[in-house]
Amino acid sequence: ERKRLEEEISFLKSYIDRGDSVVP
């Protein structure tokens, strides 16, 4: 579970860092 959560956090941050917020 920790691995899955850490991967999702990394995934989300990669999009937020480039300026994405609400994504279709």
PDB file of all heavy atoms in Angstrom:
ATOM      1  N   GLU A   1       0.831  -1.195   0.000  1.00  0.00           N
ATOM      2  CA  GLU A   1       0.000   0.000   0.000  1.00  0.00           C
ATOM      3  C   GLU A   1       0.873   1.255   0.000  1.00  0.00           C
ATOM      4  O   GLU A   1       0.602   2.219  -0.732  1.00  0.00           O
ATOM      5  CB  GLU A   1      -0.922   0.017   1.215  1.00  0.00           C
ATOM      6  CG  GLU A   1      -1.861   1.234   1.218  1.00  0.00           C
ATOM      7  CD  GLU A   1      -2.634   1.387   2.508  1.00  0.00           C
ATOM      8  OE1 GLU A   1      -2.052   1.148   3.586  1.00  0.00           O
ATOM      9  OE2 GLU A   1      -3.814   1.770   2.452  1.00  0.00           O
ATOM     10  N   ARG A   2       1.936   1.243   0.799  1.00  0.00           N
ATOM     11  CA  ARG A   2       2.828   2.394   0.874  1.00  0.00           C
ATOM     12  C   ARG A   2       3.474   2.665  -0.485  1.00  0.00           C
ATOM     13  O   ARG A   2       3.559   3.817  -0.940  1.00  0.00           O
ATOM     14  CB  ARG A   2       3.916   2.154   1.918  1.00  0.00           C
ATOM     15  CG  ARG A   2       4.787   3.402   2.189  1.00  0.00           C
ATOM     16  CD  ARG A   2       5.923   3.069   3.138  1.00  0.00           C
ATOM     17  NE  ARG A   2       5.430   2.297   4.279  1.00  0.00           N
ATOM     18  CZ  ARG A   2       6.202   1.554   5.060  1.00  0.00           C
ATOM     19  NH1 ARG A   2       7.495   1.470   4.825  1.00  0.00           N
ATOM     20  NH2 ARG A   2       5.693   0.886   6.081  1.00  0.00           N
ATOM     21  N   LYS A   3       3.907   1.597  -1.120  1.00  0.00           N
ATOM     22  CA  LYS A   3       4.523   1.748  -2.446  1.00  0.00           C
ATOM     23  C   LYS A   3       3.545   2.362  -3.446  1.00  0.00           C
ATOM     24  O   LYS A   3       3.897   3.272  -4.207  1.00  0.00           O
ATOM     25  CB  LYS A   3       5.003   0.386  -2.951  1.00  0.00           C
ATOM     26  CG  LYS A   3       5.736   0.452  -4.283  1.00  0.00           C
ATOM     27  CD  LYS A   3       6.143  -0.927  -4.768  1.00  0.00           C
ATOM     28  CE  LYS A   3       6.826  -0.845  -6.127  1.00  0.00           C
ATOM     29  NZ  LYS A   3       7.160  -2.181  -6.681  1.00  0.00           N
ATOM     30  N   ARG A   4       2.295   1.864  -3.420  1.00  0.00           N
ATOM     31  CA  ARG A   4       1.269   2.387  -4.337  1.00  0.00           C
ATOM     32  C   ARG A   4       1.001   3.871  -4.058  1.00  0.00           C
ATOM     33  O   ARG A   4       0.905   4.674  -4.989  1.00  0.00           O
ATOM     34  CB  ARG A   4      -0.021   1.577  -4.182  1.00  0.00           C
ATOM     35  CG  ARG A   4      -1.184   2.091  -5.032  1.00  0.00           C
ATOM     36  CD  ARG A   4      -2.443   1.281  -4.813  1.00  0.00           C
ATOM     37  NE  ARG A   4      -2.897   1.298  -3.430  1.00  0.00           N
ATOM     38  CZ  ARG A   4      -3.554   2.336  -2.889  1.00  0.00           C
ATOM     39  NH1 ARG A   4      -3.798   3.434  -3.594  1.00  0.00           N
ATOM     40  NH2 ARG A   4      -3.962   2.270  -1.632  1.00  0.00           N
ATOM     41  N   LEU A   5       0.887   4.233  -2.781  1.00  0.00           N
ATOM     42  CA  LEU A   5       0.610   5.616  -2.410  1.00  0.00           C
ATOM     43  C   LEU A   5       1.773   6.539  -2.790  1.00  0.00           C
ATOM     44  O   LEU A   5       1.557   7.645  -3.301  1.00  0.00           O
ATOM     45  CB  LEU A   5       0.328   5.709  -0.910  1.00  0.00           C
ATOM     46  CG  LEU A   5      -0.960   5.030  -0.430  1.00  0.00           C
ATOM     47  CD1 LEU A   5      -1.003   4.985   1.097  1.00  0.00           C
ATOM     48  CD2 LEU A   5      -2.200   5.719  -0.984  1.00  0.00           C
ATOM     49  N   GLU A   6       2.980   6.082  -2.560  1.00  0.00           N
ATOM     50  CA  GLU A   6       4.161   6.895  -2.903  1.00  0.00           C
ATOM     51  C   GLU A   6       4.259   7.100  -4.413  1.00  0.00           C
ATOM     52  O   GLU A   6       4.620   8.192  -4.881  1.00  0.00           O
ATOM     53  CB  GLU A   6       5.427   6.232  -2.367  1.00  0.00           C
ATOM     54  CG  GLU A   6       5.559   6.333  -0.855  1.00  0.00           C
ATOM     55  CD  GLU A   6       6.721   5.529  -0.292  1.00  0.00           C
ATOM     56  OE1 GLU A   6       7.238   4.633  -1.015  1.00  0.00           O
ATOM     57  OE2 GLU A   6       7.104   5.775   0.872  1.00  0.00           O
ATOM     58  N   GLU A   7       3.922   6.059  -5.177  1.00  0.00           N
ATOM     59  CA  GLU A   7       3.948   6.175  -6.641  1.00  0.00           C
ATOM     60  C   GLU A   7       2.899   7.169  -7.120  1.00  0.00           C
ATOM     61  O   GLU A   7       3.143   7.969  -8.031  1.00  0.00           O
ATOM     62  CB  GLU A   7       3.721   4.802  -7.277  1.00  0.00           C
ATOM     63  CG  GLU A   7       4.922   3.883  -7.189  1.00  0.00           C
ATOM     64  CD  GLU A   7       4.634   2.492  -7.729  1.00  0.00           C
ATOM     65  OE1 GLU A   7       3.448   2.196  -8.027  1.00  0.00           O
ATOM     66  OE2 GLU A   7       5.592   1.690  -7.844  1.00  0.00           O
ATOM     67  N   GLU A   8       1.699   7.111  -6.494  1.00  0.00           N
ATOM     68  CA  GLU A   8       0.652   8.047  -6.903  1.00  0.00           C
ATOM     69  C   GLU A   8       1.008   9.483  -6.533  1.00  0.00           C
ATOM     70  O   GLU A   8       0.758  10.411  -7.308  1.00  0.00           O
ATOM     71  CB  GLU A   8      -0.701   7.669  -6.290  1.00  0.00           C
ATOM     72  CG  GLU A   8      -1.839   8.530  -6.837  1.00  0.00           C
ATOM     73  CD  GLU A   8      -3.226   8.113  -6.365  1.00  0.00           C
ATOM     74  OE1 GLU A   8      -3.339   7.140  -5.590  1.00  0.00           O
ATOM     75  OE2 GLU A   8      -4.202   8.774  -6.772  1.00  0.00           O
ATOM     76  N   ILE A   9       1.608   9.678  -5.360  1.00  0.00           N
ATOM     77  CA  ILE A   9       2.043  11.018  -4.950  1.00  0.00           C
ATOM     78  C   ILE A   9       3.053  11.580  -5.950  1.00  0.00           C
ATOM     79  O   ILE A   9       2.961  12.734  -6.379  1.00  0.00           O
ATOM     80  CB  ILE A   9       2.630  10.978  -3.525  1.00  0.00           C
ATOM     81  CG1 ILE A   9       1.500  10.791  -2.503  1.00  0.00           C
ATOM     82  CG2 ILE A   9       3.414  12.267  -3.219  1.00  0.00           C
ATOM     83  CD1 ILE A   9       1.984  10.497  -1.087  1.00  0.00           C
ATOM     84  N   SER A  10       4.001  10.747  -6.324  1.00  0.00           N
ATOM     85  CA  SER A  10       5.013  11.161  -7.303  1.00  0.00           C
ATOM     86  C   SER A  10       4.358  11.515  -8.637  1.00  0.00           C
ATOM     87  O   SER A  10       4.716  12.520  -9.276  1.00  0.00           O
ATOM     88  CB  SER A  10       6.035  10.039  -7.489  1.00  0.00           C
ATOM     89  OG  SER A  10       6.973  10.378  -8.486  1.00  0.00           O
ATOM     90  N   PHE A  11       3.402  10.695  -9.058  1.00  0.00           N
ATOM     91  CA  PHE A  11       2.685  10.913 -10.314  1.00  0.00           C
ATOM     92  C   PHE A  11       1.932  12.248 -10.271  1.00  0.00           C
ATOM     93  O   PHE A  11       2.026  13.065 -11.201  1.00  0.00           O
ATOM     94  CB  PHE A  11       1.717   9.750 -10.556  1.00  0.00           C
ATOM     95  CG  PHE A  11       0.805   9.928 -11.733  1.00  0.00           C
ATOM     96  CD1 PHE A  11       1.241   9.654 -13.018  1.00  0.00           C
ATOM     97  CD2 PHE A  11      -0.504  10.362 -11.557  1.00  0.00           C
ATOM     98  CE1 PHE A  11       0.400   9.819 -14.113  1.00  0.00           C
ATOM     99  CE2 PHE A  11      -1.354  10.527 -12.640  1.00  0.00           C
ATOM    100  CZ  PHE A  11      -0.904  10.260 -13.923  1.00  0.00           C
ATOM    101  N   LEU A  12       1.178  12.481  -9.207  1.00  0.00           N
ATOM    102  CA  LEU A  12       0.379  13.708  -9.082  1.00  0.00           C
ATOM    103  C   LEU A  12       1.265  14.946  -9.030  1.00  0.00           C
ATOM    104  O   LEU A  12       0.982  15.964  -9.681  1.00  0.00           O
ATOM    105  CB  LEU A  12      -0.496  13.636  -7.836  1.00  0.00           C
ATOM    106  CG  LEU A  12      -1.623  12.588  -7.863  1.00  0.00           C
ATOM    107  CD1 LEU A  12      -2.218  12.397  -6.471  1.00  0.00           C
ATOM    108  CD2 LEU A  12      -2.714  12.979  -8.857  1.00  0.00           C
ATOM    109  N   LYS A  13       2.363  14.868  -8.277  1.00  0.00           N
ATOM    110  CA  LYS A  13       3.263  16.020  -8.160  1.00  0.00           C
ATOM    111  C   LYS A  13       3.898  16.385  -9.492  1.00  0.00           C
ATOM    112  O   LYS A  13       4.133  17.566  -9.782  1.00  0.00           O
ATOM    113  CB  LYS A  13       4.351  15.725  -7.127  1.00  0.00           C
ATOM    114  CG  LYS A  13       3.879  15.863  -5.687  1.00  0.00           C
ATOM    115  CD  LYS A  13       5.029  15.621  -4.710  1.00  0.00           C
ATOM    116  CE  LYS A  13       4.585  15.875  -3.274  1.00  0.00           C
ATOM    117  NZ  LYS A  13       5.680  15.625  -2.300  1.00  0.00           N
ATOM    118  N   SER A  14       4.158  15.372 -10.323  1.00  0.00           N
ATOM    119  CA  SER A  14       4.783  15.652 -11.624  1.00  0.00           C
ATOM    120  C   SER A  14       3.878  16.519 -12.496  1.00  0.00           C
ATOM    121  O   SER A  14       4.355  17.354 -13.269  1.00  0.00           O
ATOM    122  CB  SER A  14       5.129  14.341 -12.343  1.00  0.00           C
ATOM    123  OG  SER A  14       3.966  13.658 -12.759  1.00  0.00           O
ATOM    124  N   TYR A  15       2.563  16.333 -12.385  1.00  0.00           N
ATOM    125  CA  TYR A  15       1.612  17.137 -13.158  1.00  0.00           C
ATOM    126  C   TYR A  15       1.369  18.485 -12.494  1.00  0.00           C
ATOM    127  O   TYR A  15       1.248  19.511 -13.175  1.00  0.00           O
ATOM    128  CB  TYR A  15       0.292  16.378 -13.343  1.00  0.00           C
ATOM    129  CG  TYR A  15       0.391  15.306 -14.405  1.00  0.00           C
ATOM    130  CD1 TYR A  15       0.815  14.019 -14.082  1.00  0.00           C
ATOM    131  CD2 TYR A  15       0.097  15.581 -15.732  1.00  0.00           C
ATOM    132  CE1 TYR A  15       0.942  13.035 -15.055  1.00  0.00           C
ATOM    133  CE2 TYR A  15       0.215  14.605 -16.718  1.00  0.00           C
ATOM    134  CZ  TYR A  15       0.638  13.340 -16.367  1.00  0.00           C
ATOM    135  OH  TYR A  15       0.766  12.380 -17.345  1.00  0.00           O
ATOM    136  N   ILE A  16       1.284  18.499 -11.174  1.00  0.00           N
ATOM    137  CA  ILE A  16       1.080  19.761 -10.452  1.00  0.00           C
ATOM    138  C   ILE A  16       2.269  20.686 -10.663  1.00  0.00           C
ATOM    139  O   ILE A  16       2.102  21.905 -10.859  1.00  0.00           O
ATOM    140  CB  ILE A  16       0.847  19.486  -8.947  1.00  0.00           C
ATOM    141  CG1 ILE A  16      -0.497  18.766  -8.743  1.00  0.00           C
ATOM    142  CG2 ILE A  16       0.871  20.792  -8.155  1.00  0.00           C
ATOM    143  CD1 ILE A  16      -0.717  18.251  -7.330  1.00  0.00           C
ATOM    144  N   ASP A  17       3.470  20.134 -10.672  1.00  0.00           N
ATOM    145  CA  ASP A  17       4.692  20.932 -10.841  1.00  0.00           C
ATOM    146  C   ASP A  17       4.748  21.623 -12.202  1.00  0.00           C
ATOM    147  O   ASP A  17       5.419  22.655 -12.352  1.00  0.00           O
ATOM    148  CB  ASP A  17       5.941  20.062 -10.657  1.00  0.00           C
ATOM    149  CG  ASP A  17       6.161  19.665  -9.202  1.00  0.00           C
ATOM    150  OD1 ASP A  17       5.508  20.269  -8.327  1.00  0.00           O
ATOM    151  OD2 ASP A  17       6.957  18.733  -8.950  1.00  0.00           O
ATOM    152  N   ARG A  18       4.075  21.047 -13.175  1.00  0.00           N
ATOM    153  CA  ARG A  18       4.095  21.691 -14.502  1.00  0.00           C
ATOM    154  C   ARG A  18       2.886  22.619 -14.699  1.00  0.00           C
ATOM    155  O   ARG A  18       2.660  23.124 -15.792  1.00  0.00           O
ATOM    156  CB  ARG A  18       4.161  20.646 -15.612  1.00  0.00           C
ATOM    157  CG  ARG A  18       2.906  19.862 -15.849  1.00  0.00           C
ATOM    158  CD  ARG A  18       3.111  18.818 -16.951  1.00  0.00           C
ATOM    159  NE  ARG A  18       1.852  18.288 -17.441  1.00  0.00           N
ATOM    160  CZ  ARG A  18       1.763  17.276 -18.295  1.00  0.00           C
ATOM    161  NH1 ARG A  18       2.865  16.669 -18.717  1.00  0.00           N
ATOM    162  NH2 ARG A  18       0.572  16.858 -18.714  1.00  0.00           N
ATOM    163  N   GLY A  19       2.117  22.805 -13.624  1.00  0.00           N
ATOM    164  CA  GLY A  19       1.032  23.785 -13.670  1.00  0.00           C
ATOM    165  C   GLY A  19      -0.368  23.230 -13.817  1.00  0.00           C
ATOM    166  O   GLY A  19      -1.338  23.986 -13.885  1.00  0.00           O
ATOM    167  N   ASP A  20      -0.519  21.912 -13.874  1.00  0.00           N
ATOM    168  CA  ASP A  20      -1.853  21.317 -14.001  1.00  0.00           C
ATOM    169  C   ASP A  20      -2.578  21.348 -12.659  1.00  0.00           C
ATOM    170  O   ASP A  20      -1.968  21.206 -11.601  1.00  0.00           O
ATOM    171  CB  ASP A  20      -1.756  19.869 -14.483  1.00  0.00           C
ATOM    172  CG  ASP A  20      -1.310  19.784 -15.931  1.00  0.00           C
ATOM    173  OD1 ASP A  20      -1.576  20.740 -16.684  1.00  0.00           O
ATOM    174  OD2 ASP A  20      -0.681  18.783 -16.306  1.00  0.00           O
ATOM    175  N   SER A  21      -3.895  21.511 -12.716  1.00  0.00           N
ATOM    176  CA  SER A  21      -4.693  21.528 -11.486  1.00  0.00           C
ATOM    177  C   SER A  21      -5.882  20.580 -11.620  1.00  0.00           C
ATOM    178  O   SER A  21      -5.855  19.472 -11.096  1.00  0.00           O
ATOM    179  CB  SER A  21      -5.168  22.945 -11.182  1.00  0.00           C
ATOM    180  OG  SER A  21      -5.944  22.969  -9.998  1.00  0.00           O
ATOM    181  N   VAL A  22      -6.913  21.002 -12.338  1.00  0.00           N
ATOM    182  CA  VAL A  22      -8.066  20.135 -12.599  1.00  0.00           C
ATOM    183  C   VAL A  22      -7.921  19.586 -14.014  1.00  0.00           C
ATOM    184  O   VAL A  22      -7.931  20.345 -14.986  1.00  0.00           O
ATOM    185  CB  VAL A  22      -9.399  20.892 -12.439  1.00  0.00           C
ATOM    186  CG1 VAL A  22     -10.577  19.969 -12.745  1.00  0.00           C
ATOM    187  CG2 VAL A  22      -9.520  21.460 -11.022  1.00  0.00           C
ATOM    188  N   VAL A  23      -7.789  18.276 -14.141  1.00  0.00           N
ATOM    189  CA  VAL A  23      -7.450  17.650 -15.427  1.00  0.00           C
ATOM    190  C   VAL A  23      -8.635  16.853 -15.976  1.00  0.00           C
ATOM    191  O   VAL A  23      -9.235  16.049 -15.253  1.00  0.00           O
ATOM    192  CB  VAL A  23      -6.240  16.702 -15.254  1.00  0.00           C
ATOM    193  CG1 VAL A  23      -5.877  16.031 -16.564  1.00  0.00           C
ATOM    194  CG2 VAL A  23      -5.044  17.474 -14.720  1.00  0.00           C
ATOM    195  N   PRO A  24      -9.000  17.060 -17.268  1.00  0.00           N
ATOM    196  CA  PRO A  24     -10.037  16.217 -17.886  1.00  0.00           C
ATOM    197  C   PRO A  24      -9.489  14.822 -18.154  1.00  0.00           C
ATOM    198  O   PRO A  24      -8.397  14.676 -18.709  1.00  0.00           O
ATOM    199  CB  PRO A  24     -10.367  16.953 -19.193  1.00  0.00           C
ATOM    200  CG  PRO A  24      -9.142  17.744 -19.508  1.00  0.00           C
ATOM    201  CD  PRO A  24      -8.501  18.089 -18.197  1.00  0.00           C
TER     202      PRO A  24
END
